[in-house]
Amino acid sequence: QFVSERLAGAKLPFPSLSKSGLLPPTS
């Protein structure tokens, strides 16, 4: 829903944010 309503046409994913350090580690 979020992608269709907020990010329609955007190129996904956004790899530059994957190293933001804000999320729980999933290494």
mmCIF file of all heavy atoms, coordinates in Angstrom:
data_MODEL
# 
_entry.id   MODEL 
# 
loop_
_atom_site.group_PDB 
_atom_site.id 
_atom_site.type_symbol 
_atom_site.label_atom_id 
_atom_site.label_alt_id 
_atom_site.label_comp_id 
_atom_site.label_asym_id 
_atom_site.label_entity_id 
_atom_site.label_seq_id 
_atom_site.pdbx_PDB_ins_code 
_atom_site.Cartn_x 
_atom_site.Cartn_y 
_atom_site.Cartn_z 
_atom_site.occupancy 
_atom_site.B_iso_or_equiv 
_atom_site.pdbx_formal_charge 
_atom_site.auth_seq_id 
_atom_site.auth_comp_id 
_atom_site.auth_asym_id 
_atom_site.auth_atom_id 
_atom_site.pdbx_PDB_model_num 
ATOM 1   N N   . GLN A 1 1  ? 0.833  -1.202  0.000   1.00 0.00 ? 1  GLN A N   1 
ATOM 2   C CA  . GLN A 1 1  ? 0.000  0.000   0.000   1.00 0.00 ? 1  GLN A CA  1 
ATOM 3   C C   . GLN A 1 1  ? 0.865  1.249   0.000   1.00 0.00 ? 1  GLN A C   1 
ATOM 4   O O   . GLN A 1 1  ? 0.593  2.208   -0.740  1.00 0.00 ? 1  GLN A O   1 
ATOM 5   C CB  . GLN A 1 1  ? -0.915 -0.003  1.227   1.00 0.00 ? 1  GLN A CB  1 
ATOM 6   C CG  . GLN A 1 1  ? -1.757 1.260   1.374   1.00 0.00 ? 1  GLN A CG  1 
ATOM 7   C CD  . GLN A 1 1  ? -2.500 1.314   2.707   1.00 0.00 ? 1  GLN A CD  1 
ATOM 8   O OE1 . GLN A 1 1  ? -2.649 0.293   3.386   1.00 0.00 ? 1  GLN A OE1 1 
ATOM 9   N NE2 . GLN A 1 1  ? -2.961 2.491   3.085   1.00 0.00 ? 1  GLN A NE2 1 
ATOM 10  N N   . PHE A 1 2  ? 1.910  1.240   0.828   1.00 0.00 ? 2  PHE A N   1 
ATOM 11  C CA  . PHE A 1 2  ? 2.787  2.403   0.915   1.00 0.00 ? 2  PHE A CA  1 
ATOM 12  C C   . PHE A 1 2  ? 3.466  2.678   -0.420  1.00 0.00 ? 2  PHE A C   1 
ATOM 13  O O   . PHE A 1 2  ? 3.543  3.825   -0.868  1.00 0.00 ? 2  PHE A O   1 
ATOM 14  C CB  . PHE A 1 2  ? 3.839  2.170   2.003   1.00 0.00 ? 2  PHE A CB  1 
ATOM 15  C CG  . PHE A 1 2  ? 4.769  3.322   2.217   1.00 0.00 ? 2  PHE A CG  1 
ATOM 16  C CD1 . PHE A 1 2  ? 4.406  4.392   3.022   1.00 0.00 ? 2  PHE A CD1 1 
ATOM 17  C CD2 . PHE A 1 2  ? 6.020  3.357   1.616   1.00 0.00 ? 2  PHE A CD2 1 
ATOM 18  C CE1 . PHE A 1 2  ? 5.256  5.469   3.220   1.00 0.00 ? 2  PHE A CE1 1 
ATOM 19  C CE2 . PHE A 1 2  ? 6.877  4.421   1.803   1.00 0.00 ? 2  PHE A CE2 1 
ATOM 20  C CZ  . PHE A 1 2  ? 6.501  5.479   2.606   1.00 0.00 ? 2  PHE A CZ  1 
ATOM 21  N N   . VAL A 1 3  ? 3.954  1.632   -1.053  1.00 0.00 ? 3  VAL A N   1 
ATOM 22  C CA  . VAL A 1 3  ? 4.638  1.806   -2.340  1.00 0.00 ? 3  VAL A CA  1 
ATOM 23  C C   . VAL A 1 3  ? 3.674  2.343   -3.395  1.00 0.00 ? 3  VAL A C   1 
ATOM 24  O O   . VAL A 1 3  ? 4.009  3.265   -4.153  1.00 0.00 ? 3  VAL A O   1 
ATOM 25  C CB  . VAL A 1 3  ? 5.261  0.471   -2.798  1.00 0.00 ? 3  VAL A CB  1 
ATOM 26  C CG1 . VAL A 1 3  ? 5.765  0.572   -4.235  1.00 0.00 ? 3  VAL A CG1 1 
ATOM 27  C CG2 . VAL A 1 3  ? 6.408  0.077   -1.867  1.00 0.00 ? 3  VAL A CG2 1 
ATOM 28  N N   . SER A 1 4  ? 2.471  1.791   -3.456  1.00 0.00 ? 4  SER A N   1 
ATOM 29  C CA  . SER A 1 4  ? 1.521  2.204   -4.493  1.00 0.00 ? 4  SER A CA  1 
ATOM 30  C C   . SER A 1 4  ? 1.027  3.626   -4.277  1.00 0.00 ? 4  SER A C   1 
ATOM 31  O O   . SER A 1 4  ? 0.756  4.348   -5.243  1.00 0.00 ? 4  SER A O   1 
ATOM 32  C CB  . SER A 1 4  ? 0.333  1.243   -4.533  1.00 0.00 ? 4  SER A CB  1 
ATOM 33  O OG  . SER A 1 4  ? -0.395 1.274   -3.326  1.00 0.00 ? 4  SER A OG  1 
ATOM 34  N N   . GLU A 1 5  ? 0.918  4.051   -3.015  1.00 0.00 ? 5  GLU A N   1 
ATOM 35  C CA  . GLU A 1 5  ? 0.357  5.373   -2.731  1.00 0.00 ? 5  GLU A CA  1 
ATOM 36  C C   . GLU A 1 5  ? 1.420  6.455   -2.580  1.00 0.00 ? 5  GLU A C   1 
ATOM 37  O O   . GLU A 1 5  ? 1.147  7.625   -2.851  1.00 0.00 ? 5  GLU A O   1 
ATOM 38  C CB  . GLU A 1 5  ? -0.475 5.309   -1.449  1.00 0.00 ? 5  GLU A CB  1 
ATOM 39  C CG  . GLU A 1 5  ? -1.722 4.441   -1.568  1.00 0.00 ? 5  GLU A CG  1 
ATOM 40  C CD  . GLU A 1 5  ? -2.519 4.392   -0.275  1.00 0.00 ? 5  GLU A CD  1 
ATOM 41  O OE1 . GLU A 1 5  ? -2.097 5.050   0.710   1.00 0.00 ? 5  GLU A OE1 1 
ATOM 42  O OE2 . GLU A 1 5  ? -3.559 3.707   -0.246  1.00 0.00 ? 5  GLU A OE2 1 
ATOM 43  N N   . ARG A 1 6  ? 2.613  6.088   -2.145  1.00 0.00 ? 6  ARG A N   1 
ATOM 44  C CA  . ARG A 1 6  ? 3.622  7.120   -1.848  1.00 0.00 ? 6  ARG A CA  1 
ATOM 45  C C   . ARG A 1 6  ? 4.816  7.078   -2.796  1.00 0.00 ? 6  ARG A C   1 
ATOM 46  O O   . ARG A 1 6  ? 5.491  8.092   -2.978  1.00 0.00 ? 6  ARG A O   1 
ATOM 47  C CB  . ARG A 1 6  ? 4.151  6.945   -0.414  1.00 0.00 ? 6  ARG A CB  1 
ATOM 48  C CG  . ARG A 1 6  ? 3.100  6.837   0.671   1.00 0.00 ? 6  ARG A CG  1 
ATOM 49  C CD  . ARG A 1 6  ? 2.352  8.148   0.896   1.00 0.00 ? 6  ARG A CD  1 
ATOM 50  N NE  . ARG A 1 6  ? 1.605  8.098   2.147   1.00 0.00 ? 6  ARG A NE  1 
ATOM 51  C CZ  . ARG A 1 6  ? 0.406  7.546   2.286   1.00 0.00 ? 6  ARG A CZ  1 
ATOM 52  N NH1 . ARG A 1 6  ? -0.171 6.988   1.221   1.00 0.00 ? 6  ARG A NH1 1 
ATOM 53  N NH2 . ARG A 1 6  ? -0.224 7.557   3.453   1.00 0.00 ? 6  ARG A NH2 1 
ATOM 54  N N   . LEU A 1 7  ? 5.084  5.911   -3.370  1.00 0.00 ? 7  LEU A N   1 
ATOM 55  C CA  . LEU A 1 7  ? 6.312  5.752   -4.148  1.00 0.00 ? 7  LEU A CA  1 
ATOM 56  C C   . LEU A 1 7  ? 6.033  5.240   -5.553  1.00 0.00 ? 7  LEU A C   1 
ATOM 57  O O   . LEU A 1 7  ? 6.885  4.591   -6.159  1.00 0.00 ? 7  LEU A O   1 
ATOM 58  C CB  . LEU A 1 7  ? 7.267  4.786   -3.436  1.00 0.00 ? 7  LEU A CB  1 
ATOM 59  C CG  . LEU A 1 7  ? 7.727  5.189   -2.036  1.00 0.00 ? 7  LEU A CG  1 
ATOM 60  C CD1 . LEU A 1 7  ? 8.536  4.071   -1.401  1.00 0.00 ? 7  LEU A CD1 1 
ATOM 61  C CD2 . LEU A 1 7  ? 8.528  6.476   -2.075  1.00 0.00 ? 7  LEU A CD2 1 
ATOM 62  N N   . ALA A 1 8  ? 4.871  5.507   -6.070  1.00 0.00 ? 8  ALA A N   1 
ATOM 63  C CA  . ALA A 1 8  ? 4.518  5.025   -7.407  1.00 0.00 ? 8  ALA A CA  1 
ATOM 64  C C   . ALA A 1 8  ? 5.537  5.526   -8.435  1.00 0.00 ? 8  ALA A C   1 
ATOM 65  O O   . ALA A 1 8  ? 5.834  6.720   -8.508  1.00 0.00 ? 8  ALA A O   1 
ATOM 66  C CB  . ALA A 1 8  ? 3.121  5.499   -7.784  1.00 0.00 ? 8  ALA A CB  1 
ATOM 67  N N   . GLY A 1 9  ? 6.104  4.607   -9.190  1.00 0.00 ? 9  GLY A N   1 
ATOM 68  C CA  . GLY A 1 9  ? 7.077  4.961   -10.220 1.00 0.00 ? 9  GLY A CA  1 
ATOM 69  C C   . GLY A 1 9  ? 8.501  5.079   -9.735  1.00 0.00 ? 9  GLY A C   1 
ATOM 70  O O   . GLY A 1 9  ? 9.413  5.248   -10.542 1.00 0.00 ? 9  GLY A O   1 
ATOM 71  N N   . ALA A 1 10 ? 8.727  4.987   -8.425  1.00 0.00 ? 10 ALA A N   1 
ATOM 72  C CA  . ALA A 1 10 ? 10.088 5.118   -7.896  1.00 0.00 ? 10 ALA A CA  1 
ATOM 73  C C   . ALA A 1 10 ? 10.872 3.835   -8.149  1.00 0.00 ? 10 ALA A C   1 
ATOM 74  O O   . ALA A 1 10 ? 10.314 2.748   -8.217  1.00 0.00 ? 10 ALA A O   1 
ATOM 75  C CB  . ALA A 1 10 ? 10.054 5.409   -6.404  1.00 0.00 ? 10 ALA A CB  1 
ATOM 76  N N   . LYS A 1 11 ? 12.167 3.974   -8.290  1.00 0.00 ? 11 LYS A N   1 
ATOM 77  C CA  . LYS A 1 11 ? 13.043 2.824   -8.477  1.00 0.00 ? 11 LYS A CA  1 
ATOM 78  C C   . LYS A 1 11 ? 13.411 2.256   -7.117  1.00 0.00 ? 11 LYS A C   1 
ATOM 79  O O   . LYS A 1 11 ? 14.045 2.931   -6.299  1.00 0.00 ? 11 LYS A O   1 
ATOM 80  C CB  . LYS A 1 11 ? 14.299 3.229   -9.253  1.00 0.00 ? 11 LYS A CB  1 
ATOM 81  C CG  . LYS A 1 11 ? 15.213 2.058   -9.589  1.00 0.00 ? 11 LYS A CG  1 
ATOM 82  C CD  . LYS A 1 11 ? 16.416 2.518   -10.399 1.00 0.00 ? 11 LYS A CD  1 
ATOM 83  C CE  . LYS A 1 11 ? 17.333 1.349   -10.732 1.00 0.00 ? 11 LYS A CE  1 
ATOM 84  N NZ  . LYS A 1 11 ? 18.518 1.785   -11.511 1.00 0.00 ? 11 LYS A NZ  1 
ATOM 85  N N   . LEU A 1 12 ? 12.996 1.039   -6.884  1.00 0.00 ? 12 LEU A N   1 
ATOM 86  C CA  . LEU A 1 12 ? 13.223 0.410   -5.590  1.00 0.00 ? 12 LEU A CA  1 
ATOM 87  C C   . LEU A 1 12 ? 14.214 -0.741  -5.736  1.00 0.00 ? 12 LEU A C   1 
ATOM 88  O O   . LEU A 1 12 ? 14.322 -1.327  -6.802  1.00 0.00 ? 12 LEU A O   1 
ATOM 89  C CB  . LEU A 1 12 ? 11.893 -0.126  -5.028  1.00 0.00 ? 12 LEU A CB  1 
ATOM 90  C CG  . LEU A 1 12 ? 10.777 0.901   -4.867  1.00 0.00 ? 12 LEU A CG  1 
ATOM 91  C CD1 . LEU A 1 12 ? 9.491  0.213   -4.415  1.00 0.00 ? 12 LEU A CD1 1 
ATOM 92  C CD2 . LEU A 1 12 ? 11.174 1.981   -3.874  1.00 0.00 ? 12 LEU A CD2 1 
ATOM 93  N N   . PRO A 1 13 ? 14.941 -1.097  -4.643  1.00 0.00 ? 13 PRO A N   1 
ATOM 94  C CA  . PRO A 1 13 ? 14.951 -0.438  -3.332  1.00 0.00 ? 13 PRO A CA  1 
ATOM 95  C C   . PRO A 1 13 ? 15.871 0.768   -3.327  1.00 0.00 ? 13 PRO A C   1 
ATOM 96  O O   . PRO A 1 13 ? 16.379 1.174   -4.382  1.00 0.00 ? 13 PRO A O   1 
ATOM 97  C CB  . PRO A 1 13 ? 15.473 -1.540  -2.417  1.00 0.00 ? 13 PRO A CB  1 
ATOM 98  C CG  . PRO A 1 13 ? 16.418 -2.300  -3.307  1.00 0.00 ? 13 PRO A CG  1 
ATOM 99  C CD  . PRO A 1 13 ? 15.800 -2.271  -4.690  1.00 0.00 ? 13 PRO A CD  1 
ATOM 100 N N   . PHE A 1 14 ? 16.132 1.289   -2.130  1.00 0.00 ? 14 PHE A N   1 
ATOM 101 C CA  . PHE A 1 14 ? 17.029 2.431   -1.955  1.00 0.00 ? 14 PHE A CA  1 
ATOM 102 C C   . PHE A 1 14 ? 18.265 1.947   -1.205  1.00 0.00 ? 14 PHE A C   1 
ATOM 103 O O   . PHE A 1 14 ? 18.342 2.044   0.022   1.00 0.00 ? 14 PHE A O   1 
ATOM 104 C CB  . PHE A 1 14 ? 16.345 3.544   -1.159  1.00 0.00 ? 14 PHE A CB  1 
ATOM 105 C CG  . PHE A 1 14 ? 15.048 3.994   -1.761  1.00 0.00 ? 14 PHE A CG  1 
ATOM 106 C CD1 . PHE A 1 14 ? 13.850 3.712   -1.142  1.00 0.00 ? 14 PHE A CD1 1 
ATOM 107 C CD2 . PHE A 1 14 ? 15.029 4.694   -2.957  1.00 0.00 ? 14 PHE A CD2 1 
ATOM 108 C CE1 . PHE A 1 14 ? 12.649 4.127   -1.691  1.00 0.00 ? 14 PHE A CE1 1 
ATOM 109 C CE2 . PHE A 1 14 ? 13.829 5.109   -3.517  1.00 0.00 ? 14 PHE A CE2 1 
ATOM 110 C CZ  . PHE A 1 14 ? 12.633 4.830   -2.883  1.00 0.00 ? 14 PHE A CZ  1 
ATOM 111 N N   . PRO A 1 15 ? 19.248 1.404   -1.906  1.00 0.00 ? 15 PRO A N   1 
ATOM 112 C CA  . PRO A 1 15 ? 20.376 0.756   -1.224  1.00 0.00 ? 15 PRO A CA  1 
ATOM 113 C C   . PRO A 1 15 ? 21.194 1.703   -0.369  1.00 0.00 ? 15 PRO A C   1 
ATOM 114 O O   . PRO A 1 15 ? 21.831 1.272   0.591   1.00 0.00 ? 15 PRO A O   1 
ATOM 115 C CB  . PRO A 1 15 ? 21.204 0.186   -2.387  1.00 0.00 ? 15 PRO A CB  1 
ATOM 116 C CG  . PRO A 1 15 ? 20.806 0.993   -3.579  1.00 0.00 ? 15 PRO A CG  1 
ATOM 117 C CD  . PRO A 1 15 ? 19.365 1.342   -3.367  1.00 0.00 ? 15 PRO A CD  1 
ATOM 118 N N   . SER A 1 16 ? 21.176 2.995   -0.677  1.00 0.00 ? 16 SER A N   1 
ATOM 119 C CA  . SER A 1 16 ? 21.997 3.919   0.097   1.00 0.00 ? 16 SER A CA  1 
ATOM 120 C C   . SER A 1 16 ? 21.526 4.031   1.542   1.00 0.00 ? 16 SER A C   1 
ATOM 121 O O   . SER A 1 16 ? 22.288 4.448   2.419   1.00 0.00 ? 16 SER A O   1 
ATOM 122 C CB  . SER A 1 16 ? 21.970 5.311   -0.551  1.00 0.00 ? 16 SER A CB  1 
ATOM 123 O OG  . SER A 1 16 ? 20.637 5.822   -0.568  1.00 0.00 ? 16 SER A OG  1 
ATOM 124 N N   . LEU A 1 17 ? 20.269 3.672   1.814   1.00 0.00 ? 17 LEU A N   1 
ATOM 125 C CA  . LEU A 1 17 ? 19.752 3.775   3.170   1.00 0.00 ? 17 LEU A CA  1 
ATOM 126 C C   . LEU A 1 17 ? 19.962 2.509   3.988   1.00 0.00 ? 17 LEU A C   1 
ATOM 127 O O   . LEU A 1 17 ? 19.759 2.508   5.187   1.00 0.00 ? 17 LEU A O   1 
ATOM 128 C CB  . LEU A 1 17 ? 18.249 4.085   3.132   1.00 0.00 ? 17 LEU A CB  1 
ATOM 129 C CG  . LEU A 1 17 ? 17.866 5.489   2.663   1.00 0.00 ? 17 LEU A CG  1 
ATOM 130 C CD1 . LEU A 1 17 ? 16.362 5.608   2.564   1.00 0.00 ? 17 LEU A CD1 1 
ATOM 131 C CD2 . LEU A 1 17 ? 18.412 6.538   3.616   1.00 0.00 ? 17 LEU A CD2 1 
ATOM 132 N N   . SER A 1 18 ? 20.358 1.429   3.330   1.00 0.00 ? 18 SER A N   1 
ATOM 133 C CA  . SER A 1 18 ? 20.458 0.153   4.042   1.00 0.00 ? 18 SER A CA  1 
ATOM 134 C C   . SER A 1 18 ? 21.568 0.153   5.078   1.00 0.00 ? 18 SER A C   1 
ATOM 135 O O   . SER A 1 18 ? 21.596 -0.690  5.964   1.00 0.00 ? 18 SER A O   1 
ATOM 136 C CB  . SER A 1 18 ? 20.689 -0.984  3.052   1.00 0.00 ? 18 SER A CB  1 
ATOM 137 O OG  . SER A 1 18 ? 21.902 -0.790  2.347   1.00 0.00 ? 18 SER A OG  1 
ATOM 138 N N   . LYS A 1 19 ? 22.497 1.102   4.999   1.00 0.00 ? 19 LYS A N   1 
ATOM 139 C CA  . LYS A 1 19 ? 23.598 1.190   5.949   1.00 0.00 ? 19 LYS A CA  1 
ATOM 140 C C   . LYS A 1 19 ? 23.433 2.381   6.888   1.00 0.00 ? 19 LYS A C   1 
ATOM 141 O O   . LYS A 1 19 ? 24.398 2.908   7.411   1.00 0.00 ? 19 LYS A O   1 
ATOM 142 C CB  . LYS A 1 19 ? 24.927 1.287   5.203   1.00 0.00 ? 19 LYS A CB  1 
ATOM 143 C CG  . LYS A 1 19 ? 25.219 0.082   4.303   1.00 0.00 ? 19 LYS A CG  1 
ATOM 144 C CD  . LYS A 1 19 ? 26.541 0.235   3.576   1.00 0.00 ? 19 LYS A CD  1 
ATOM 145 C CE  . LYS A 1 19 ? 26.807 -0.967  2.665   1.00 0.00 ? 19 LYS A CE  1 
ATOM 146 N NZ  . LYS A 1 19 ? 28.088 -0.838  1.934   1.00 0.00 ? 19 LYS A NZ  1 
ATOM 147 N N   . SER A 1 20 ? 22.181 2.776   7.097   1.00 0.00 ? 20 SER A N   1 
ATOM 148 C CA  . SER A 1 20 ? 21.928 3.956   7.921   1.00 0.00 ? 20 SER A CA  1 
ATOM 149 C C   . SER A 1 20 ? 22.246 3.714   9.391   1.00 0.00 ? 20 SER A C   1 
ATOM 150 O O   . SER A 1 20 ? 22.462 4.651   10.143  1.00 0.00 ? 20 SER A O   1 
ATOM 151 C CB  . SER A 1 20 ? 20.452 4.371   7.799   1.00 0.00 ? 20 SER A CB  1 
ATOM 152 O OG  . SER A 1 20 ? 19.609 3.346   8.295   1.00 0.00 ? 20 SER A OG  1 
ATOM 153 N N   . GLY A 1 21 ? 22.259 2.446   9.834   1.00 0.00 ? 21 GLY A N   1 
ATOM 154 C CA  . GLY A 1 21 ? 22.520 2.145   11.230  1.00 0.00 ? 21 GLY A CA  1 
ATOM 155 C C   . GLY A 1 21 ? 21.340 2.387   12.141  1.00 0.00 ? 21 GLY A C   1 
ATOM 156 O O   . GLY A 1 21 ? 21.466 2.280   13.361  1.00 0.00 ? 21 GLY A O   1 
ATOM 157 N N   . LEU A 1 22 ? 20.183 2.706   11.589  1.00 0.00 ? 22 LEU A N   1 
ATOM 158 C CA  . LEU A 1 22 ? 19.013 3.007   12.392  1.00 0.00 ? 22 LEU A CA  1 
ATOM 159 C C   . LEU A 1 22 ? 18.199 1.773   12.750  1.00 0.00 ? 22 LEU A C   1 
ATOM 160 O O   . LEU A 1 22 ? 17.392 1.801   13.665  1.00 0.00 ? 22 LEU A O   1 
ATOM 161 C CB  . LEU A 1 22 ? 18.108 3.991   11.644  1.00 0.00 ? 22 LEU A CB  1 
ATOM 162 C CG  . LEU A 1 22 ? 18.694 5.383   11.359  1.00 0.00 ? 22 LEU A CG  1 
ATOM 163 C CD1 . LEU A 1 22 ? 17.753 6.182   10.487  1.00 0.00 ? 22 LEU A CD1 1 
ATOM 164 C CD2 . LEU A 1 22 ? 18.948 6.114   12.663  1.00 0.00 ? 22 LEU A CD2 1 
ATOM 165 N N   . LEU A 1 23 ? 18.394 0.689   12.013  1.00 0.00 ? 23 LEU A N   1 
ATOM 166 C CA  . LEU A 1 23 ? 17.551 -0.483  12.174  1.00 0.00 ? 23 LEU A CA  1 
ATOM 167 C C   . LEU A 1 23 ? 18.256 -1.578  12.959  1.00 0.00 ? 23 LEU A C   1 
ATOM 168 O O   . LEU A 1 23 ? 19.484 -1.594  13.032  1.00 0.00 ? 23 LEU A O   1 
ATOM 169 C CB  . LEU A 1 23 ? 17.129 -1.015  10.799  1.00 0.00 ? 23 LEU A CB  1 
ATOM 170 C CG  . LEU A 1 23 ? 16.343 -0.024  9.939   1.00 0.00 ? 23 LEU A CG  1 
ATOM 171 C CD1 . LEU A 1 23 ? 16.081 -0.624  8.574   1.00 0.00 ? 23 LEU A CD1 1 
ATOM 172 C CD2 . LEU A 1 23 ? 15.038 0.339   10.608  1.00 0.00 ? 23 LEU A CD2 1 
ATOM 173 N N   . PRO A 1 24 ? 17.470 -2.494  13.569  1.00 0.00 ? 24 PRO A N   1 
ATOM 174 C CA  . PRO A 1 24 ? 18.103 -3.621  14.262  1.00 0.00 ? 24 PRO A CA  1 
ATOM 175 C C   . PRO A 1 24 ? 19.019 -4.391  13.335  1.00 0.00 ? 24 PRO A C   1 
ATOM 176 O O   . PRO A 1 24 ? 18.737 -4.517  12.137  1.00 0.00 ? 24 PRO A O   1 
ATOM 177 C CB  . PRO A 1 24 ? 16.899 -4.482  14.681  1.00 0.00 ? 24 PRO A CB  1 
ATOM 178 C CG  . PRO A 1 24 ? 15.754 -3.532  14.739  1.00 0.00 ? 24 PRO A CG  1 
ATOM 179 C CD  . PRO A 1 24 ? 16.014 -2.529  13.646  1.00 0.00 ? 24 PRO A CD  1 
ATOM 180 N N   . PRO A 1 25 ? 20.138 -4.903  13.834  1.00 0.00 ? 25 PRO A N   1 
ATOM 181 C CA  . PRO A 1 25 ? 21.077 -5.608  12.961  1.00 0.00 ? 25 PRO A CA  1 
ATOM 182 C C   . PRO A 1 25 ? 20.459 -6.863  12.367  1.00 0.00 ? 25 PRO A C   1 
ATOM 183 O O   . PRO A 1 25 ? 19.782 -7.621  13.041  1.00 0.00 ? 25 PRO A O   1 
ATOM 184 C CB  . PRO A 1 25 ? 22.242 -5.958  13.902  1.00 0.00 ? 25 PRO A CB  1 
ATOM 185 C CG  . PRO A 1 25 ? 21.642 -5.934  15.274  1.00 0.00 ? 25 PRO A CG  1 
ATOM 186 C CD  . PRO A 1 25 ? 20.573 -4.877  15.234  1.00 0.00 ? 25 PRO A CD  1 
ATOM 187 N N   . THR A 1 26 ? 20.690 -7.057  11.079  1.00 0.00 ? 26 THR A N   1 
ATOM 188 C CA  . THR A 1 26 ? 20.213 -8.260  10.388  1.00 0.00 ? 26 THR A CA  1 
ATOM 189 C C   . THR A 1 26 ? 21.361 -8.862  9.586   1.00 0.00 ? 26 THR A C   1 
ATOM 190 O O   . THR A 1 26 ? 21.187 -9.321  8.473   1.00 0.00 ? 26 THR A O   1 
ATOM 191 C CB  . THR A 1 26 ? 19.034 -7.925  9.456   1.00 0.00 ? 26 THR A CB  1 
ATOM 192 O OG1 . THR A 1 26 ? 19.446 -6.882  8.546   1.00 0.00 ? 26 THR A OG1 1 
ATOM 193 C CG2 . THR A 1 26 ? 17.825 -7.457  10.240  1.00 0.00 ? 26 THR A CG2 1 
ATOM 194 N N   . SER A 1 27 ? 22.564 -8.818  10.179  1.00 0.00 ? 27 SER A N   1 
ATOM 195 C CA  . SER A 1 27 ? 23.751 -9.223  9.444   1.00 0.00 ? 27 SER A CA  1 
ATOM 196 C C   . SER A 1 27 ? 23.909 -10.739 9.385   1.00 0.00 ? 27 SER A C   1 
ATOM 197 O O   . SER A 1 27 ? 24.662 -11.242 8.562   1.00 0.00 ? 27 SER A O   1 
ATOM 198 C CB  . SER A 1 27 ? 25.002 -8.604  10.082  1.00 0.00 ? 27 SER A CB  1 
ATOM 199 O OG  . SER A 1 27 ? 25.107 -8.991  11.440  1.00 0.00 ? 27 SER A OG  1 
# 
